[in-house]
Amino acid sequence: MAGRMDGKVAFVTGAARGQGRSHAVRLAQEGADIIAVDICRKFEASPADGATPEDLDETAGLVKDAGGRVVTAKVDVRDFDALRAAVGGGVEQLGRLDVIVANAGIGTTAGKLHKTDEALWQEMIDVNLSGVWKTVKAGVPHILAGNRGGSVVLTSSVAGFKAYPHVGHYVAAKHGVIGLMRSFAVELGQRMIRVNAVLPTHVNSPLLMNESTYRAFRPELENPGPDDLAPVCRSFHYLPIPWVTPEDITNAVLFLASDEARFITGVALPVDAGSCLK
């Protein structure tokens, strides 16, 4: 079923690679034009290497190959003025805005909450919670101006549903995203703007698949790799898999962004292989 996003424009953050790239490309395959932004650098405390400007260029090329127009910008979601300029410039070129996918986020390990470094806490909240708020704040006026309704999809996590040790700052931010989603849904519903969230479990993307994560989960091994990580990740799920793919999350994002979900709002949708049941 092609063409589910025909004529629409989507604003996607964290679009240089991973889930964000997957979302941008699939929405384009379904007919959307894309405003794609990413910070394109590493966060010092993150175990994952940062995305690069070349990664964002590659995403743009893939969107074009899929038939979509694309506007890109190197933007930190903590910078509201930069976000507003990026989405405004994109709307000026592409003509409208219908969908916001607030996907950008980081993952760091902080230890126990009462010992968490304040700067590490603040960075997490600023990126994974305030950055989501600022993304929607920057984009929604353009959806309102179109007076056609629209869809906002926020990336939370299974950690927005339940807690895990040593990542309390991440858990707090992702729980906050659910609160943002519900509040935006209440406030924007009368204008037919739907707001939902996806809750991924482990995703086979650079945020998980990196040497630091392998060593954190399997410290007893000298040179752990993905095969060593897999049984640990599998233990989080009821379905017998270690992780999902970015495309699995994209399938949920596409559904929520499309008119197939035209009366669905305020929903936190897990894509989690049963993790929320544990």
C-alpha atoms as a PDB file:
ATOM      1  CA  MET A   1       0.000   0.000   0.000  1.00  0.00           C
ATOM      2  CA  ALA A   2       2.055   2.942  -1.287  1.00  0.00           C
ATOM      3  CA  GLY A   3       1.260   6.636  -1.130  1.00  0.00           C
ATOM      4  CA  ARG A   4       0.171   6.859   2.490  1.00  0.00           C
ATOM      5  CA  MET A   5       1.994  10.186   2.870  1.00  0.00           C
ATOM      6  CA  ASP A   6       1.319  11.668  -0.571  1.00  0.00           C
ATOM      7  CA  GLY A   7       1.479  15.456  -0.590  1.00  0.00           C
ATOM      8  CA  LYS A   8       2.639  15.750   3.008  1.00  0.00           C
ATOM      9  CA  VAL A   9       5.776  17.206   4.578  1.00  0.00           C
ATOM     10  CA  ALA A  10       7.437  15.656   7.621  1.00  0.00           C
ATOM     11  CA  PHE A  11       9.970  17.208  10.008  1.00  0.00           C
ATOM     12  CA  VAL A  12      12.330  14.525  11.396  1.00  0.00           C
ATOM     13  CA  THR A  13      15.005  15.101  14.034  1.00  0.00           C
ATOM     14  CA  GLY A  14      17.997  12.827  14.543  1.00  0.00           C
ATOM     15  CA  ALA A  15      17.723  12.019  10.861  1.00  0.00           C
ATOM     16  CA  ALA A  16      21.378  11.394  10.003  1.00  0.00           C
ATOM     17  CA  ARG A  17      21.283   7.663  10.746  1.00  0.00           C
ATOM     18  CA  GLY A  18      19.587   4.899  12.730  1.00  0.00           C
ATOM     19  CA  GLN A  19      15.898   5.254  13.483  1.00  0.00           C
ATOM     20  CA  GLY A  20      15.716   8.837  12.232  1.00  0.00           C
ATOM     21  CA  ARG A  21      17.135   7.957   8.835  1.00  0.00           C
ATOM     22  CA  SER A  22      14.802   4.992   8.585  1.00  0.00           C
ATOM     23  CA  HIS A  23      11.800   7.187   9.392  1.00  0.00           C
ATOM     24  CA  ALA A  24      12.776   9.883   6.897  1.00  0.00           C
ATOM     25  CA  VAL A  25      13.404   7.459   4.043  1.00  0.00           C
ATOM     26  CA  ARG A  26      10.250   5.406   4.588  1.00  0.00           C
ATOM     27  CA  LEU A  27       8.036   8.478   4.840  1.00  0.00           C
ATOM     28  CA  ALA A  28       9.573   9.654   1.567  1.00  0.00           C
ATOM     29  CA  GLN A  29       8.912   6.266  -0.022  1.00  0.00           C
ATOM     30  CA  GLU A  30       5.281   6.769   0.948  1.00  0.00           C
ATOM     31  CA  GLY A  31       5.138  10.175  -0.746  1.00  0.00           C
ATOM     32  CA  ALA A  32       6.319  12.712   1.831  1.00  0.00           C
ATOM     33  CA  ASP A  33       8.859  15.493   1.474  1.00  0.00           C
ATOM     34  CA  ILE A  34      11.268  15.731   4.403  1.00  0.00           C
ATOM     35  CA  ILE A  35      12.850  18.362   6.619  1.00  0.00           C
ATOM     36  CA  ALA A  36      15.749  16.397   8.127  1.00  0.00           C
ATOM     37  CA  VAL A  37      17.930  17.692  10.958  1.00  0.00           C
ATOM     38  CA  ASP A  38      20.682  16.248  13.128  1.00  0.00           C
ATOM     39  CA  ILE A  39      23.362  17.595  15.454  1.00  0.00           C
ATOM     40  CA  CYS A  40      26.001  15.654  13.457  1.00  0.00           C
ATOM     41  CA  ARG A  41      28.496  15.268  16.284  1.00  0.00           C
ATOM     42  CA  LYS A  42      29.332  12.988  19.207  1.00  0.00           C
ATOM     43  CA  PHE A  43      28.159  13.470  22.777  1.00  0.00           C
ATOM     44  CA  GLU A  44      31.176  12.945  24.987  1.00  0.00           C
ATOM     45  CA  ALA A  45      29.463  10.674  27.523  1.00  0.00           C
ATOM     46  CA  SER A  46      27.645   8.582  24.921  1.00  0.00           C
ATOM     47  CA  PRO A  47      29.081   5.152  24.095  1.00  0.00           C
ATOM     48  CA  ALA A  48      28.099   5.595  20.458  1.00  0.00           C
ATOM     49  CA  ASP A  49      30.106   7.485  17.880  1.00  0.00           C
ATOM     50  CA  GLY A  50      28.357  10.616  16.732  1.00  0.00           C
ATOM     51  CA  ALA A  51      26.611  11.040  13.429  1.00  0.00           C
ATOM     52  CA  THR A  52      28.432  13.177  10.873  1.00  0.00           C
ATOM     53  CA  PRO A  53      27.449  15.759   8.250  1.00  0.00           C
ATOM     54  CA  GLU A  54      28.221  13.057   5.690  1.00  0.00           C
ATOM     55  CA  ASP A  55      25.659  10.796   7.362  1.00  0.00           C
ATOM     56  CA  LEU A  56      23.029  13.514   7.033  1.00  0.00           C
ATOM     57  CA  ASP A  57      23.975  14.008   3.388  1.00  0.00           C
ATOM     58  CA  GLU A  58      23.547  10.276   2.859  1.00  0.00           C
ATOM     59  CA  THR A  59      20.079  10.420   4.385  1.00  0.00           C
ATOM     60  CA  ALA A  60      19.217  13.267   2.029  1.00  0.00           C
ATOM     61  CA  GLY A  61      20.395  11.217  -0.924  1.00  0.00           C
ATOM     62  CA  LEU A  62      18.277   8.266   0.151  1.00  0.00           C
ATOM     63  CA  VAL A  63      15.218  10.507   0.513  1.00  0.00           C
ATOM     64  CA  LYS A  64      15.784  11.844  -3.004  1.00  0.00           C
ATOM     65  CA  ASP A  65      16.251   8.314  -4.338  1.00  0.00           C
ATOM     66  CA  ALA A  66      12.882   7.473  -2.769  1.00  0.00           C
ATOM     67  CA  GLY A  67      11.279  10.301  -4.732  1.00  0.00           C
ATOM     68  CA  GLY A  68      11.067  12.928  -2.028  1.00  0.00           C
ATOM     69  CA  ARG A  69      12.279  16.475  -1.802  1.00  0.00           C
ATOM     70  CA  VAL A  70      14.460  17.162   1.203  1.00  0.00           C
ATOM     71  CA  VAL A  71      15.799  20.101   3.192  1.00  0.00           C
ATOM     72  CA  THR A  72      18.548  19.400   5.720  1.00  0.00           C
ATOM     73  CA  ALA A  73      20.114  21.374   8.563  1.00  0.00           C
ATOM     74  CA  LYS A  74      22.737  20.737  11.214  1.00  0.00           C
ATOM     75  CA  VAL A  75      20.770  21.497  14.377  1.00  0.00           C
ATOM     76  CA  ASP A  76      21.057  20.803  18.108  1.00  0.00           C
ATOM     77  CA  VAL A  77      17.554  20.154  19.458  1.00  0.00           C
ATOM     78  CA  ARG A  78      18.502  22.061  22.609  1.00  0.00           C
ATOM     79  CA  ASP A  79      18.663  25.234  20.487  1.00  0.00           C
ATOM     80  CA  PHE A  80      15.086  26.409  19.932  1.00  0.00           C
ATOM     81  CA  ASP A  81      16.035  29.308  17.665  1.00  0.00           C
ATOM     82  CA  ALA A  82      17.976  26.953  15.390  1.00  0.00           C
ATOM     83  CA  LEU A  83      15.094  24.479  15.306  1.00  0.00           C
ATOM     84  CA  ARG A  84      12.621  27.218  14.483  1.00  0.00           C
ATOM     85  CA  ALA A  85      14.853  28.497  11.694  1.00  0.00           C
ATOM     86  CA  ALA A  86      15.348  25.016  10.260  1.00  0.00           C
ATOM     87  CA  VAL A  87      11.680  24.108  10.167  1.00  0.00           C
ATOM     88  CA  GLY A  88      10.723  27.579   8.956  1.00  0.00           C
ATOM     89  CA  GLY A  89      13.210  27.372   6.117  1.00  0.00           C
ATOM     90  CA  GLY A  90      12.006  23.903   5.243  1.00  0.00           C
ATOM     91  CA  VAL A  91       8.372  24.969   5.151  1.00  0.00           C
ATOM     92  CA  GLU A  92       9.308  27.949   2.992  1.00  0.00           C
ATOM     93  CA  GLN A  93      10.885  25.601   0.450  1.00  0.00           C
ATOM     94  CA  LEU A  94       8.449  22.694   0.675  1.00  0.00           C
ATOM     95  CA  GLY A  95       5.243  24.627   1.196  1.00  0.00           C
ATOM     96  CA  ARG A  96       3.683  23.123   4.319  1.00  0.00           C
ATOM     97  CA  LEU A  97       4.126  20.918   7.387  1.00  0.00           C
ATOM     98  CA  ASP A  98       1.946  17.967   8.324  1.00  0.00           C
ATOM     99  CA  VAL A  99       4.036  15.634  10.483  1.00  0.00           C
ATOM    100  CA  ILE A 100       6.606  16.037  13.252  1.00  0.00           C
ATOM    101  CA  VAL A 101       8.772  13.077  14.242  1.00  0.00           C
ATOM    102  CA  ALA A 102      10.714  14.075  17.368  1.00  0.00           C
ATOM    103  CA  ASN A 103      13.241  11.264  17.260  1.00  0.00           C
ATOM    104  CA  ALA A 104      16.571  12.811  18.306  1.00  0.00           C
ATOM    105  CA  GLY A 105      18.008  11.484  21.554  1.00  0.00           C
ATOM    106  CA  ILE A 106      21.066  10.213  23.363  1.00  0.00           C
ATOM    107  CA  GLY A 107      21.853   7.311  25.672  1.00  0.00           C
ATOM    108  CA  THR A 108      24.362   7.456  28.503  1.00  0.00           C
ATOM    109  CA  THR A 109      25.037   5.481  31.678  1.00  0.00           C
ATOM    110  CA  ALA A 110      25.054   7.469  34.896  1.00  0.00           C
ATOM    111  CA  GLY A 111      25.229   5.005  37.791  1.00  0.00           C
ATOM    112  CA  LYS A 112      22.805   5.223  40.686  1.00  0.00           C
ATOM    113  CA  LEU A 113      20.592   8.291  40.721  1.00  0.00           C
ATOM    114  CA  HIS A 114      21.850   9.611  44.042  1.00  0.00           C
ATOM    115  CA  LYS A 115      25.370   9.516  42.629  1.00  0.00           C
ATOM    116  CA  THR A 116      24.588  10.806  39.127  1.00  0.00           C
ATOM    117  CA  ASP A 117      26.732  13.698  37.977  1.00  0.00           C
ATOM    118  CA  GLU A 118      24.655  16.865  37.677  1.00  0.00           C
ATOM    119  CA  ALA A 119      26.025  17.791  34.266  1.00  0.00           C
ATOM    120  CA  LEU A 120      25.219  14.308  32.924  1.00  0.00           C
ATOM    121  CA  TRP A 121      21.678  14.578  34.316  1.00  0.00           C
ATOM    122  CA  GLN A 122      21.163  18.014  32.789  1.00  0.00           C
ATOM    123  CA  GLU A 123      22.453  16.999  29.371  1.00  0.00           C
ATOM    124  CA  MET A 124      20.054  14.054  29.286  1.00  0.00           C
ATOM    125  CA  ILE A 125      17.037  16.123  30.280  1.00  0.00           C
ATOM    126  CA  ASP A 126      17.992  18.921  27.887  1.00  0.00           C
ATOM    127  CA  VAL A 127      18.334  16.603  24.879  1.00  0.00           C
ATOM    128  CA  ASN A 128      15.836  13.794  25.474  1.00  0.00           C
ATOM    129  CA  LEU A 129      13.037  15.794  27.101  1.00  0.00           C
ATOM    130  CA  SER A 130      13.423  19.517  26.506  1.00  0.00           C
ATOM    131  CA  GLY A 131      14.666  18.824  22.972  1.00  0.00           C
ATOM    132  CA  VAL A 132      11.447  16.946  22.215  1.00  0.00           C
ATOM    133  CA  TRP A 133       9.369  19.811  23.606  1.00  0.00           C
ATOM    134  CA  LYS A 134      11.335  22.370  21.585  1.00  0.00           C
ATOM    135  CA  THR A 135      10.979  20.288  18.416  1.00  0.00           C
ATOM    136  CA  VAL A 136       7.196  20.204  18.719  1.00  0.00           C
ATOM    137  CA  LYS A 137       7.093  23.852  19.797  1.00  0.00           C
ATOM    138  CA  ALA A 138       9.026  24.822  16.658  1.00  0.00           C
ATOM    139  CA  GLY A 139       6.917  22.754  14.282  1.00  0.00           C
ATOM    140  CA  VAL A 140       3.336  22.958  15.526  1.00  0.00           C
ATOM    141  CA  PRO A 141       2.699  26.577  14.478  1.00  0.00           C
ATOM    142  CA  HIS A 142       3.248  25.519  10.860  1.00  0.00           C
ATOM    143  CA  ILE A 143       0.801  22.624  11.182  1.00  0.00           C
ATOM    144  CA  LEU A 144      -1.733  24.977  12.768  1.00  0.00           C
ATOM    145  CA  ALA A 145      -1.224  27.496   9.975  1.00  0.00           C
ATOM    146  CA  GLY A 146      -2.139  24.858   7.400  1.00  0.00           C
ATOM    147  CA  ASN A 147      -5.463  24.206   9.154  1.00  0.00           C
ATOM    148  CA  ARG A 148      -5.476  20.625   7.839  1.00  0.00           C
ATOM    149  CA  GLY A 149      -4.704  18.811  11.063  1.00  0.00           C
ATOM    150  CA  GLY A 150      -1.603  16.683  11.346  1.00  0.00           C
ATOM    151  CA  SER A 151       0.349  14.136  13.329  1.00  0.00           C
ATOM    152  CA  VAL A 152       3.124  14.359  15.895  1.00  0.00           C
ATOM    153  CA  VAL A 153       5.098  11.240  16.847  1.00  0.00           C
ATOM    154  CA  LEU A 154       7.506  11.347  19.785  1.00  0.00           C
ATOM    155  CA  THR A 155      10.188   8.747  20.433  1.00  0.00           C
ATOM    156  CA  SER A 156      10.053   7.561  24.028  1.00  0.00           C
ATOM    157  CA  SER A 157      11.286   4.104  25.083  1.00  0.00           C
ATOM    158  CA  VAL A 158      10.284   1.076  27.084  1.00  0.00           C
ATOM    159  CA  ALA A 159      12.165   3.094  29.719  1.00  0.00           C
ATOM    160  CA  GLY A 160       9.260   5.526  29.483  1.00  0.00           C
ATOM    161  CA  PHE A 161       7.054   2.726  30.818  1.00  0.00           C
ATOM    162  CA  LYS A 162       9.253   1.084  33.443  1.00  0.00           C
ATOM    163  CA  ALA A 163      12.542   1.628  35.247  1.00  0.00           C
ATOM    164  CA  TYR A 164      16.038   0.239  34.813  1.00  0.00           C
ATOM    165  CA  PRO A 165      19.009   0.654  37.156  1.00  0.00           C
ATOM    166  CA  HIS A 166      21.933   2.983  36.438  1.00  0.00           C
ATOM    167  CA  VAL A 167      20.079   4.947  33.757  1.00  0.00           C
ATOM    168  CA  GLY A 168      17.635   6.841  35.965  1.00  0.00           C
ATOM    169  CA  HIS A 169      18.285  10.092  34.111  1.00  0.00           C
ATOM    170  CA  TYR A 170      17.268   8.377  30.864  1.00  0.00           C
ATOM    171  CA  VAL A 171      14.224   6.762  32.506  1.00  0.00           C
ATOM    172  CA  ALA A 172      13.128  10.142  33.866  1.00  0.00           C
ATOM    173  CA  ALA A 173      13.488  11.837  30.484  1.00  0.00           C
ATOM    174  CA  LYS A 174      11.620   9.110  28.616  1.00  0.00           C
ATOM    175  CA  HIS A 175       8.805   9.064  31.194  1.00  0.00           C
ATOM    176  CA  GLY A 176       8.647  12.820  30.661  1.00  0.00           C
ATOM    177  CA  VAL A 177       8.215  12.333  26.925  1.00  0.00           C
ATOM    178  CA  ILE A 178       5.040  10.364  27.633  1.00  0.00           C
ATOM    179  CA  GLY A 179       3.774  13.275  29.715  1.00  0.00           C
ATOM    180  CA  LEU A 180       4.573  15.695  26.904  1.00  0.00           C
ATOM    181  CA  MET A 181       2.776  13.464  24.414  1.00  0.00           C
ATOM    182  CA  ARG A 182      -0.398  13.313  26.491  1.00  0.00           C
ATOM    183  CA  SER A 183      -0.383  17.027  27.243  1.00  0.00           C
ATOM    184  CA  PHE A 184       0.165  17.993  23.602  1.00  0.00           C
ATOM    185  CA  ALA A 185      -2.597  15.559  22.582  1.00  0.00           C
ATOM    186  CA  VAL A 186      -5.049  17.258  24.954  1.00  0.00           C
ATOM    187  CA  GLU A 187      -4.075  20.759  23.882  1.00  0.00           C
ATOM    188  CA  LEU A 188      -3.959  20.194  20.118  1.00  0.00           C
ATOM    189  CA  GLY A 189      -6.791  17.726  19.625  1.00  0.00           C
ATOM    190  CA  GLN A 190      -9.434  20.321  18.822  1.00  0.00           C
ATOM    191  CA  ARG A 191      -7.366  21.319  15.786  1.00  0.00           C
ATOM    192  CA  MET A 192      -7.203  17.693  14.597  1.00  0.00           C
ATOM    193  CA  ILE A 193      -3.523  17.374  15.436  1.00  0.00           C
ATOM    194  CA  ARG A 194      -2.876  13.910  16.806  1.00  0.00           C
ATOM    195  CA  VAL A 195       0.037  13.283  19.164  1.00  0.00           C
ATOM    196  CA  ASN A 196       1.367   9.802  19.958  1.00  0.00           C
ATOM    197  CA  ALA A 197       4.588   8.136  21.068  1.00  0.00           C
ATOM    198  CA  VAL A 198       6.523   5.025  20.135  1.00  0.00           C
ATOM    199  CA  LEU A 199       8.331   3.028  22.822  1.00  0.00           C
ATOM    200  CA  PRO A 200      11.195   1.036  21.302  1.00  0.00           C
ATOM    201  CA  THR A 201      13.027  -1.734  23.100  1.00  0.00           C
ATOM    202  CA  HIS A 202      16.651  -2.471  22.139  1.00  0.00           C
ATOM    203  CA  VAL A 203      17.163  -1.393  18.530  1.00  0.00           C
ATOM    204  CA  ASN A 204      19.877  -2.667  16.223  1.00  0.00           C
ATOM    205  CA  SER A 205      21.373   0.782  15.669  1.00  0.00           C
ATOM    206  CA  PRO A 206      24.621   2.567  16.646  1.00  0.00           C
ATOM    207  CA  LEU A 207      23.252   3.594  20.037  1.00  0.00           C
ATOM    208  CA  LEU A 208      23.201  -0.088  21.061  1.00  0.00           C
ATOM    209  CA  MET A 209      25.676  -1.738  18.726  1.00  0.00           C
ATOM    210  CA  ASN A 210      29.014  -0.347  19.861  1.00  0.00           C
ATOM    211  CA  GLU A 211      32.048  -1.592  21.744  1.00  0.00           C
ATOM    212  CA  SER A 212      31.286   0.299  24.952  1.00  0.00           C
ATOM    213  CA  THR A 213      27.852  -1.306  25.219  1.00  0.00           C
ATOM    214  CA  TYR A 214      29.268  -4.763  24.533  1.00  0.00           C
ATOM    215  CA  ARG A 215      31.783  -4.314  27.335  1.00  0.00           C
ATOM    216  CA  ALA A 216      29.211  -2.865  29.731  1.00  0.00           C
ATOM    217  CA  PHE A 217      26.913  -5.879  29.328  1.00  0.00           C
ATOM    218  CA  ARG A 218      29.637  -8.523  29.106  1.00  0.00           C
ATOM    219  CA  PRO A 219      32.547  -7.230  31.226  1.00  0.00           C
ATOM    220  CA  GLU A 220      33.821 -10.741  31.879  1.00  0.00           C
ATOM    221  CA  LEU A 221      34.802 -11.169  28.210  1.00  0.00           C
ATOM    222  CA  GLU A 222      38.015  -9.858  26.710  1.00  0.00           C
ATOM    223  CA  ASN A 223      36.598  -8.898  23.295  1.00  0.00           C
ATOM    224  CA  PRO A 224      32.771  -9.029  23.429  1.00  0.00           C
ATOM    225  CA  GLY A 225      30.719  -8.417  20.314  1.00  0.00           C
ATOM    226  CA  PRO A 226      27.124  -8.516  19.087  1.00  0.00           C
ATOM    227  CA  ASP A 227      26.809 -12.283  19.498  1.00  0.00           C
ATOM    228  CA  ASP A 228      27.810 -11.934  23.148  1.00  0.00           C
ATOM    229  CA  LEU A 229      25.329  -9.113  23.705  1.00  0.00           C
ATOM    230  CA  ALA A 230      22.437 -10.952  22.070  1.00  0.00           C
ATOM    231  CA  PRO A 231      21.526 -13.387  24.891  1.00  0.00           C
ATOM    232  CA  VAL A 232      21.533 -10.557  27.440  1.00  0.00           C
ATOM    233  CA  CYS A 233      19.202  -8.455  25.305  1.00  0.00           C
ATOM    234  CA  ARG A 234      17.020 -11.476  24.568  1.00  0.00           C
ATOM    235  CA  SER A 235      16.393 -11.849  28.307  1.00  0.00           C
ATOM    236  CA  PHE A 236      14.511  -8.549  28.309  1.00  0.00           C
ATOM    237  CA  HIS A 237      11.824  -9.898  25.948  1.00  0.00           C
ATOM    238  CA  TYR A 238       9.085 -12.488  25.770  1.00  0.00           C
ATOM    239  CA  LEU A 239       9.438 -12.878  22.022  1.00  0.00           C
ATOM    240  CA  PRO A 240      12.697 -14.803  21.520  1.00  0.00           C
ATOM    241  CA  ILE A 241      14.687 -12.020  19.853  1.00  0.00           C
ATOM    242  CA  PRO A 242      17.490  -9.799  21.170  1.00  0.00           C
ATOM    243  CA  TRP A 243      16.504  -6.568  19.452  1.00  0.00           C
ATOM    244  CA  VAL A 244      14.318  -5.004  16.804  1.00  0.00           C
ATOM    245  CA  THR A 245      15.434  -3.037  13.745  1.00  0.00           C
ATOM    246  CA  PRO A 246      14.989   0.678  12.981  1.00  0.00           C
ATOM    247  CA  GLU A 247      12.517  -0.377  10.310  1.00  0.00           C
ATOM    248  CA  ASP A 248      10.323  -2.021  12.952  1.00  0.00           C
ATOM    249  CA  ILE A 249      10.035   1.317  14.743  1.00  0.00           C
ATOM    250  CA  THR A 250       9.464   3.081  11.425  1.00  0.00           C
ATOM    251  CA  ASN A 251       6.482   0.855  10.693  1.00  0.00           C
ATOM    252  CA  ALA A 252       4.839   2.170  13.860  1.00  0.00           C
ATOM    253  CA  VAL A 253       5.826   5.770  13.118  1.00  0.00           C
ATOM    254  CA  LEU A 254       4.428   5.542   9.590  1.00  0.00           C
ATOM    255  CA  PHE A 255       1.135   4.125  10.844  1.00  0.00           C
ATOM    256  CA  LEU A 256       0.743   6.847  13.474  1.00  0.00           C
ATOM    257  CA  ALA A 257       1.697   9.563  10.973  1.00  0.00           C
ATOM    258  CA  SER A 258      -0.687   8.335   8.303  1.00  0.00           C
ATOM    259  CA  ASP A 259      -4.414   8.802   7.874  1.00  0.00           C
ATOM    260  CA  GLU A 260      -4.847   5.145   8.814  1.00  0.00           C
ATOM    261  CA  ALA A 261      -4.461   6.377  12.401  1.00  0.00           C
ATOM    262  CA  ARG A 262      -6.623   9.462  11.867  1.00  0.00           C
ATOM    263  CA  PHE A 263      -8.529   9.020  15.124  1.00  0.00           C
ATOM    264  CA  ILE A 264      -5.676   7.704  17.259  1.00  0.00           C
ATOM    265  CA  THR A 265      -4.166  10.183  19.697  1.00  0.00           C
ATOM    266  CA  GLY A 266      -2.610  10.086  23.141  1.00  0.00           C
ATOM    267  CA  VAL A 267      -1.262   6.557  22.659  1.00  0.00           C
ATOM    268  CA  ALA A 268       2.089   5.217  23.902  1.00  0.00           C
ATOM    269  CA  LEU A 269       2.769   2.350  21.478  1.00  0.00           C
ATOM    270  CA  PRO A 270       5.449  -0.165  22.501  1.00  0.00           C
ATOM    271  CA  VAL A 271       7.506  -1.873  19.798  1.00  0.00           C
ATOM    272  CA  ASP A 272       9.158  -4.069  22.338  1.00  0.00           C
ATOM    273  CA  ALA A 273       8.927  -7.833  21.741  1.00  0.00           C
ATOM    274  CA  GLY A 274       6.946  -8.037  24.986  1.00  0.00           C
ATOM    275  CA  SER A 275       9.475  -6.180  27.141  1.00  0.00           C
ATOM    276  CA  CYS A 276       6.793  -4.077  28.863  1.00  0.00           C
ATOM    277  CA  LEU A 277       5.184  -7.308  30.101  1.00  0.00           C
ATOM    278  CA  LYS A 278       8.253  -8.153  32.187  1.00  0.00           C
END
